[in-house]
Amino acid sequence: MSTFLIIVIVVVAIVLAVLIANALRRRAAAREAERRRLRSEAGAHREQAEANVSRAQELSGEADVHRSRADEHAAKAEEHAAAASEHGELAEDVEQQQQTAGKAAAFHDEQAAERERKLD
């Protein structure tokens, strides 16, 4: 019986060793699969980061163009505002001259009418 017991213990030890070896192999395989997945995800993130850097550089140039155009338009707007103010002042001056000319025309019309009445 002791030989039988030794054989059973040896068989149990071999079975345990095989089970432990299989568990270790599965664990190693799972770790390797996880590493591959993480490498793949890291690679995808790196590619996306490079694409975003490229896009950011393109947008930076585009933003510079728009900023430059906005500055040009702002300068033109200031010029136009100054010109509008100047034209407004000139219009007021001309309107004053118009009123003065209208009053002078009315005065001279009255004078002409008075002279014409004296002729009759």
N, C-alpha and C. Protein backbone atom coordinates (compact mmCIF):
# COMPACT_ATOMS: atom_id res chain seq x y z
N MET A 1 0.82 -1.17 0.00
CA MET A 1 0.00 0.00 0.00
C MET A 1 0.87 1.24 0.00
N SER A 2 1.96 1.21 0.60
CA SER A 2 2.80 2.38 0.62
C SER A 2 3.33 2.69 -0.76
N THR A 3 3.54 1.69 -1.60
CA THR A 3 3.95 1.92 -2.99
C THR A 3 2.80 2.58 -3.73
N PHE A 4 1.62 2.08 -3.49
CA PHE A 4 0.44 2.67 -4.12
C PHE A 4 0.29 4.13 -3.70
N LEU A 5 0.49 4.41 -2.45
CA LEU A 5 0.39 5.76 -1.93
C LEU A 5 1.46 6.66 -2.55
N ILE A 6 2.63 6.16 -2.70
CA ILE A 6 3.72 6.93 -3.32
C ILE A 6 3.36 7.24 -4.76
N ILE A 7 2.80 6.23 -5.48
CA ILE A 7 2.40 6.44 -6.88
C ILE A 7 1.30 7.49 -6.95
N VAL A 8 0.33 7.41 -6.05
CA VAL A 8 -0.75 8.40 -6.03
C VAL A 8 -0.19 9.79 -5.76
N ILE A 9 0.69 9.89 -4.81
CA ILE A 9 1.28 11.20 -4.48
C ILE A 9 2.05 11.74 -5.67
N VAL A 10 2.81 10.87 -6.34
CA VAL A 10 3.59 11.29 -7.51
C VAL A 10 2.63 11.73 -8.63
N VAL A 11 1.57 10.97 -8.86
CA VAL A 11 0.60 11.32 -9.90
C VAL A 11 -0.08 12.65 -9.55
N VAL A 12 -0.48 12.81 -8.29
CA VAL A 12 -1.10 14.06 -7.86
C VAL A 12 -0.11 15.21 -8.03
N ALA A 13 1.15 14.99 -7.68
CA ALA A 13 2.18 16.03 -7.83
C ALA A 13 2.36 16.38 -9.30
N ILE A 14 2.37 15.37 -10.17
CA ILE A 14 2.52 15.62 -11.62
C ILE A 14 1.31 16.39 -12.15
N VAL A 15 0.10 15.96 -11.72
CA VAL A 15 -1.12 16.65 -12.15
C VAL A 15 -1.10 18.09 -11.68
N LEU A 16 -0.71 18.30 -10.41
CA LEU A 16 -0.61 19.67 -9.87
C LEU A 16 0.43 20.48 -10.65
N ALA A 17 1.55 19.87 -10.96
CA ALA A 17 2.61 20.56 -11.71
C ALA A 17 2.10 20.95 -13.11
N VAL A 18 1.36 20.01 -13.73
CA VAL A 18 0.80 20.30 -15.06
C VAL A 18 -0.24 21.41 -14.97
N LEU A 19 -1.10 21.36 -13.97
CA LEU A 19 -2.11 22.40 -13.78
C LEU A 19 -1.46 23.76 -13.52
N ILE A 20 -0.45 23.75 -12.67
CA ILE A 20 0.25 25.01 -12.37
C ILE A 20 0.95 25.53 -13.62
N ALA A 21 1.58 24.63 -14.38
CA ALA A 21 2.26 25.04 -15.62
C ALA A 21 1.25 25.62 -16.61
N ASN A 22 0.09 24.97 -16.74
CA ASN A 22 -0.95 25.48 -17.64
C ASN A 22 -1.46 26.85 -17.17
N ALA A 23 -1.65 26.99 -15.89
CA ALA A 23 -2.13 28.26 -15.35
C ALA A 23 -1.09 29.35 -15.60
N LEU A 24 0.17 29.03 -15.40
CA LEU A 24 1.23 30.01 -15.64
C LEU A 24 1.30 30.38 -17.13
N ARG A 25 1.15 29.38 -18.01
CA ARG A 25 1.17 29.64 -19.45
C ARG A 25 -0.01 30.53 -19.85
N ARG A 26 -1.20 30.21 -19.31
CA ARG A 26 -2.38 31.04 -19.62
C ARG A 26 -2.18 32.47 -19.12
N ARG A 27 -1.62 32.59 -17.91
CA ARG A 27 -1.37 33.91 -17.35
C ARG A 27 -0.35 34.68 -18.20
N ALA A 28 0.69 33.99 -18.63
CA ALA A 28 1.69 34.63 -19.49
C ALA A 28 1.08 35.02 -20.83
N ALA A 29 0.22 34.14 -21.36
CA ALA A 29 -0.44 34.44 -22.64
C ALA A 29 -1.38 35.63 -22.48
N ALA A 30 -2.09 35.68 -21.36
CA ALA A 30 -3.00 36.80 -21.11
C ALA A 30 -2.21 38.10 -20.97
N ARG A 31 -1.07 38.04 -20.27
CA ARG A 31 -0.24 39.24 -20.13
C ARG A 31 0.29 39.69 -21.50
N GLU A 32 0.71 38.73 -22.31
CA GLU A 32 1.20 39.07 -23.66
C GLU A 32 0.09 39.66 -24.51
N ALA A 33 -1.11 39.10 -24.41
CA ALA A 33 -2.24 39.65 -25.16
C ALA A 33 -2.55 41.07 -24.69
N GLU A 34 -2.47 41.29 -23.39
CA GLU A 34 -2.70 42.63 -22.83
C GLU A 34 -1.63 43.60 -23.33
N ARG A 35 -0.37 43.14 -23.36
CA ARG A 35 0.72 43.99 -23.88
C ARG A 35 0.48 44.36 -25.34
N ARG A 36 0.06 43.37 -26.13
CA ARG A 36 -0.21 43.63 -27.55
C ARG A 36 -1.35 44.64 -27.71
N ARG A 37 -2.40 44.45 -26.90
CA ARG A 37 -3.54 45.37 -26.96
C ARG A 37 -3.10 46.78 -26.58
N LEU A 38 -2.33 46.89 -25.51
CA LEU A 38 -1.84 48.21 -25.07
C LEU A 38 -0.93 48.84 -26.11
N ARG A 39 -0.04 48.02 -26.73
CA ARG A 39 0.82 48.55 -27.80
C ARG A 39 0.00 49.06 -28.96
N SER A 40 -1.03 48.30 -29.31
CA SER A 40 -1.90 48.70 -30.41
C SER A 40 -2.63 50.00 -30.09
N GLU A 41 -3.17 50.08 -28.88
CA GLU A 41 -3.87 51.30 -28.47
C GLU A 41 -2.90 52.49 -28.42
N ALA A 42 -1.70 52.25 -27.90
CA ALA A 42 -0.71 53.33 -27.84
C ALA A 42 -0.36 53.80 -29.24
N GLY A 43 -0.20 52.86 -30.16
CA GLY A 43 0.10 53.23 -31.55
C GLY A 43 -1.03 54.03 -32.17
N ALA A 44 -2.25 53.62 -31.91
CA ALA A 44 -3.40 54.35 -32.45
C ALA A 44 -3.46 55.76 -31.86
N HIS A 45 -3.18 55.87 -30.57
CA HIS A 45 -3.19 57.19 -29.94
C HIS A 45 -2.06 58.07 -30.50
N ARG A 46 -0.90 57.48 -30.74
CA ARG A 46 0.21 58.24 -31.32
C ARG A 46 -0.16 58.75 -32.72
N GLU A 47 -0.76 57.89 -33.52
CA GLU A 47 -1.19 58.31 -34.86
C GLU A 47 -2.21 59.44 -34.77
N GLN A 48 -3.15 59.31 -33.86
CA GLN A 48 -4.16 60.36 -33.69
C GLN A 48 -3.51 61.66 -33.22
N ALA A 49 -2.54 61.53 -32.31
CA ALA A 49 -1.84 62.72 -31.81
C ALA A 49 -1.10 63.41 -32.95
N GLU A 50 -0.43 62.65 -33.81
CA GLU A 50 0.28 63.23 -34.95
C GLU A 50 -0.69 63.91 -35.91
N ALA A 51 -1.83 63.28 -36.14
CA ALA A 51 -2.84 63.89 -37.01
C ALA A 51 -3.36 65.19 -36.41
N ASN A 52 -3.57 65.19 -35.09
CA ASN A 52 -4.05 66.40 -34.42
C ASN A 52 -2.99 67.50 -34.43
N VAL A 53 -1.73 67.14 -34.29
CA VAL A 53 -0.66 68.15 -34.38
C VAL A 53 -0.66 68.77 -35.76
N SER A 54 -0.76 67.94 -36.77
CA SER A 54 -0.79 68.44 -38.15
C SER A 54 -1.98 69.36 -38.37
N ARG A 55 -3.12 68.96 -37.90
CA ARG A 55 -4.35 69.77 -38.04
C ARG A 55 -4.20 71.08 -37.28
N ALA A 56 -3.62 71.03 -36.09
CA ALA A 56 -3.43 72.24 -35.29
C ALA A 56 -2.50 73.21 -36.02
N GLN A 57 -1.47 72.70 -36.68
CA GLN A 57 -0.56 73.56 -37.43
C GLN A 57 -1.28 74.21 -38.61
N GLU A 58 -2.09 73.44 -39.31
CA GLU A 58 -2.86 73.99 -40.42
C GLU A 58 -3.80 75.08 -39.92
N LEU A 59 -4.50 74.81 -38.82
CA LEU A 59 -5.45 75.78 -38.27
C LEU A 59 -4.74 77.03 -37.77
N SER A 60 -3.53 76.87 -37.27
CA SER A 60 -2.77 78.03 -36.81
C SER A 60 -2.49 78.97 -37.97
N GLY A 61 -2.09 78.42 -39.10
CA GLY A 61 -1.85 79.24 -40.29
C GLY A 61 -3.13 79.91 -40.77
N GLU A 62 -4.21 79.16 -40.76
CA GLU A 62 -5.50 79.71 -41.18
C GLU A 62 -5.95 80.83 -40.23
N ALA A 63 -5.73 80.62 -38.94
CA ALA A 63 -6.09 81.64 -37.96
C ALA A 63 -5.27 82.91 -38.18
N ASP A 64 -3.99 82.75 -38.52
CA ASP A 64 -3.14 83.91 -38.78
C ASP A 64 -3.66 84.70 -39.97
N VAL A 65 -4.09 84.00 -41.02
CA VAL A 65 -4.64 84.68 -42.20
C VAL A 65 -5.89 85.46 -41.81
N HIS A 66 -6.78 84.83 -41.06
CA HIS A 66 -8.02 85.51 -40.66
C HIS A 66 -7.73 86.69 -39.73
N ARG A 67 -6.76 86.52 -38.83
CA ARG A 67 -6.40 87.61 -37.92
C ARG A 67 -5.86 88.80 -38.73
N SER A 68 -5.03 88.52 -39.72
CA SER A 68 -4.47 89.57 -40.57
C SER A 68 -5.58 90.30 -41.33
N ARG A 69 -6.50 89.53 -41.88
CA ARG A 69 -7.63 90.14 -42.62
C ARG A 69 -8.50 90.97 -41.69
N ALA A 70 -8.72 90.47 -40.49
CA ALA A 70 -9.53 91.21 -39.52
C ALA A 70 -8.86 92.54 -39.19
N ASP A 71 -7.54 92.52 -39.01
CA ASP A 71 -6.81 93.76 -38.73
C ASP A 71 -6.93 94.73 -39.89
N GLU A 72 -6.82 94.21 -41.12
CA GLU A 72 -6.96 95.07 -42.30
C GLU A 72 -8.35 95.71 -42.34
N HIS A 73 -9.37 94.89 -42.09
CA HIS A 73 -10.74 95.41 -42.12
C HIS A 73 -10.95 96.44 -41.01
N ALA A 74 -10.38 96.19 -39.85
CA ALA A 74 -10.52 97.14 -38.75
C ALA A 74 -9.87 98.48 -39.12
N ALA A 75 -8.69 98.42 -39.75
CA ALA A 75 -8.02 99.65 -40.17
C ALA A 75 -8.86 100.39 -41.21
N LYS A 76 -9.41 99.64 -42.15
CA LYS A 76 -10.27 100.27 -43.17
C LYS A 76 -11.52 100.85 -42.53
N ALA A 77 -12.06 100.15 -41.55
CA ALA A 77 -13.26 100.64 -40.87
C ALA A 77 -12.96 101.96 -40.17
N GLU A 78 -11.78 102.05 -39.55
CA GLU A 78 -11.40 103.30 -38.90
C GLU A 78 -11.26 104.42 -39.93
N GLU A 79 -10.63 104.09 -41.08
CA GLU A 79 -10.50 105.08 -42.15
C GLU A 79 -11.88 105.52 -42.64
N HIS A 80 -12.77 104.57 -42.82
CA HIS A 80 -14.12 104.89 -43.30
C HIS A 80 -14.88 105.73 -42.27
N ALA A 81 -14.70 105.41 -41.00
CA ALA A 81 -15.38 106.18 -39.95
C ALA A 81 -14.87 107.62 -39.95
N ALA A 82 -13.56 107.78 -40.12
CA ALA A 82 -13.00 109.14 -40.17
C ALA A 82 -13.51 109.88 -41.39
N ALA A 83 -13.55 109.19 -42.55
CA ALA A 83 -14.05 109.82 -43.77
C ALA A 83 -15.52 110.17 -43.62
N ALA A 84 -16.30 109.30 -42.99
CA ALA A 84 -17.72 109.57 -42.79
C ALA A 84 -17.91 110.79 -41.90
N SER A 85 -17.10 110.89 -40.85
CA SER A 85 -17.19 112.04 -39.97
C SER A 85 -16.85 113.32 -40.72
N GLU A 86 -15.81 113.26 -41.52
CA GLU A 86 -15.39 114.43 -42.31
C GLU A 86 -16.48 114.84 -43.30
N HIS A 87 -17.06 113.85 -43.97
CA HIS A 87 -18.13 114.14 -44.93
C HIS A 87 -19.36 114.69 -44.21
N GLY A 88 -19.63 114.20 -43.01
CA GLY A 88 -20.74 114.73 -42.23
C GLY A 88 -20.54 116.20 -41.91
N GLU A 89 -19.32 116.53 -41.50
CA GLU A 89 -19.01 117.93 -41.21
C GLU A 89 -19.12 118.79 -42.46
N LEU A 90 -18.60 118.27 -43.59
CA LEU A 90 -18.69 119.01 -44.85
C LEU A 90 -20.15 119.20 -45.26
N ALA A 91 -20.97 118.18 -45.05
CA ALA A 91 -22.39 118.28 -45.39
C ALA A 91 -23.05 119.37 -44.55
N GLU A 92 -22.70 119.44 -43.27
CA GLU A 92 -23.27 120.49 -42.41
C GLU A 92 -22.85 121.87 -42.91
N ASP A 93 -21.56 122.00 -43.30
CA ASP A 93 -21.09 123.29 -43.82
C ASP A 93 -21.83 123.67 -45.09
N VAL A 94 -21.99 122.70 -45.99
CA VAL A 94 -22.68 122.97 -47.26
C VAL A 94 -24.15 123.30 -47.00
N GLU A 95 -24.78 122.61 -46.03
CA GLU A 95 -26.17 122.93 -45.69
C GLU A 95 -26.28 124.35 -45.16
N GLN A 96 -25.30 124.78 -44.35
CA GLN A 96 -25.30 126.17 -43.87
C GLN A 96 -25.18 127.14 -45.04
N GLN A 97 -24.29 126.80 -45.97
CA GLN A 97 -24.13 127.65 -47.17
C GLN A 97 -25.41 127.66 -47.99
N GLN A 98 -26.07 126.51 -48.05
CA GLN A 98 -27.33 126.41 -48.80
C GLN A 98 -28.37 127.33 -48.17
N GLN A 99 -28.47 127.28 -46.85
CA GLN A 99 -29.44 128.13 -46.14
C GLN A 99 -29.12 129.61 -46.36
N THR A 100 -27.83 129.93 -46.29
CA THR A 100 -27.42 131.32 -46.51
C THR A 100 -27.76 131.75 -47.93
N ALA A 101 -27.47 130.89 -48.90
CA ALA A 101 -27.78 131.20 -50.29
C ALA A 101 -29.28 131.33 -50.50
N GLY A 102 -30.05 130.46 -49.83
CA GLY A 102 -31.52 130.53 -49.93
C GLY A 102 -32.04 131.83 -49.36
N LYS A 103 -31.50 132.24 -48.21
CA LYS A 103 -31.91 133.50 -47.61
C LYS A 103 -31.53 134.68 -48.51
N ALA A 104 -30.32 134.61 -49.08
CA ALA A 104 -29.88 135.68 -49.98
C ALA A 104 -30.76 135.73 -51.22
N ALA A 105 -31.14 134.55 -51.73
CA ALA A 105 -32.01 134.51 -52.91
C ALA A 105 -33.36 135.12 -52.58
N ALA A 106 -33.89 134.79 -51.39
CA ALA A 106 -35.19 135.35 -50.98
C ALA A 106 -35.08 136.87 -50.82
N PHE A 107 -33.98 137.31 -50.20
CA PHE A 107 -33.79 138.76 -50.03
C PHE A 107 -33.74 139.47 -51.38
N HIS A 108 -32.94 138.93 -52.29
CA HIS A 108 -32.80 139.56 -53.60
C HIS A 108 -34.08 139.46 -54.40
N ASP A 109 -34.84 138.39 -54.21
CA ASP A 109 -36.13 138.26 -54.88
C ASP A 109 -37.07 139.36 -54.38
N GLU A 110 -37.08 139.59 -53.07
CA GLU A 110 -37.91 140.65 -52.50
C GLU A 110 -37.45 142.02 -53.01
N GLN A 111 -36.17 142.23 -53.06
CA GLN A 111 -35.65 143.51 -53.55
C GLN A 111 -36.03 143.73 -55.01
N ALA A 112 -35.92 142.64 -55.80
CA ALA A 112 -36.29 142.76 -57.22
C ALA A 112 -37.77 143.06 -57.34
N ALA A 113 -38.59 142.40 -56.55
CA ALA A 113 -40.03 142.63 -56.60
C ALA A 113 -40.34 144.07 -56.18
N GLU A 114 -39.67 144.55 -55.17
CA GLU A 114 -39.90 145.93 -54.71
C GLU A 114 -39.49 146.92 -55.80
N ARG A 115 -38.37 146.67 -56.44
CA ARG A 115 -37.92 147.56 -57.50
C ARG A 115 -38.89 147.53 -58.67
N GLU A 116 -39.40 146.33 -58.95
CA GLU A 116 -40.34 146.21 -60.06
C GLU A 116 -41.64 146.95 -59.73
N ARG A 117 -42.07 146.92 -58.46
CA ARG A 117 -43.28 147.66 -58.06
C ARG A 117 -43.07 149.16 -58.22
N LYS A 118 -41.86 149.62 -57.92
CA LYS A 118 -41.56 151.03 -58.06
C LYS A 118 -41.54 151.46 -59.51
N LEU A 119 -41.22 150.49 -60.39
CA LEU A 119 -41.22 150.80 -61.82
C LEU A 119 -42.64 151.04 -62.30
N ASP A 120 -43.57 150.44 -61.78
CA ASP A 120 -44.97 150.52 -62.25
C ASP A 120 -45.62 151.72 -61.80
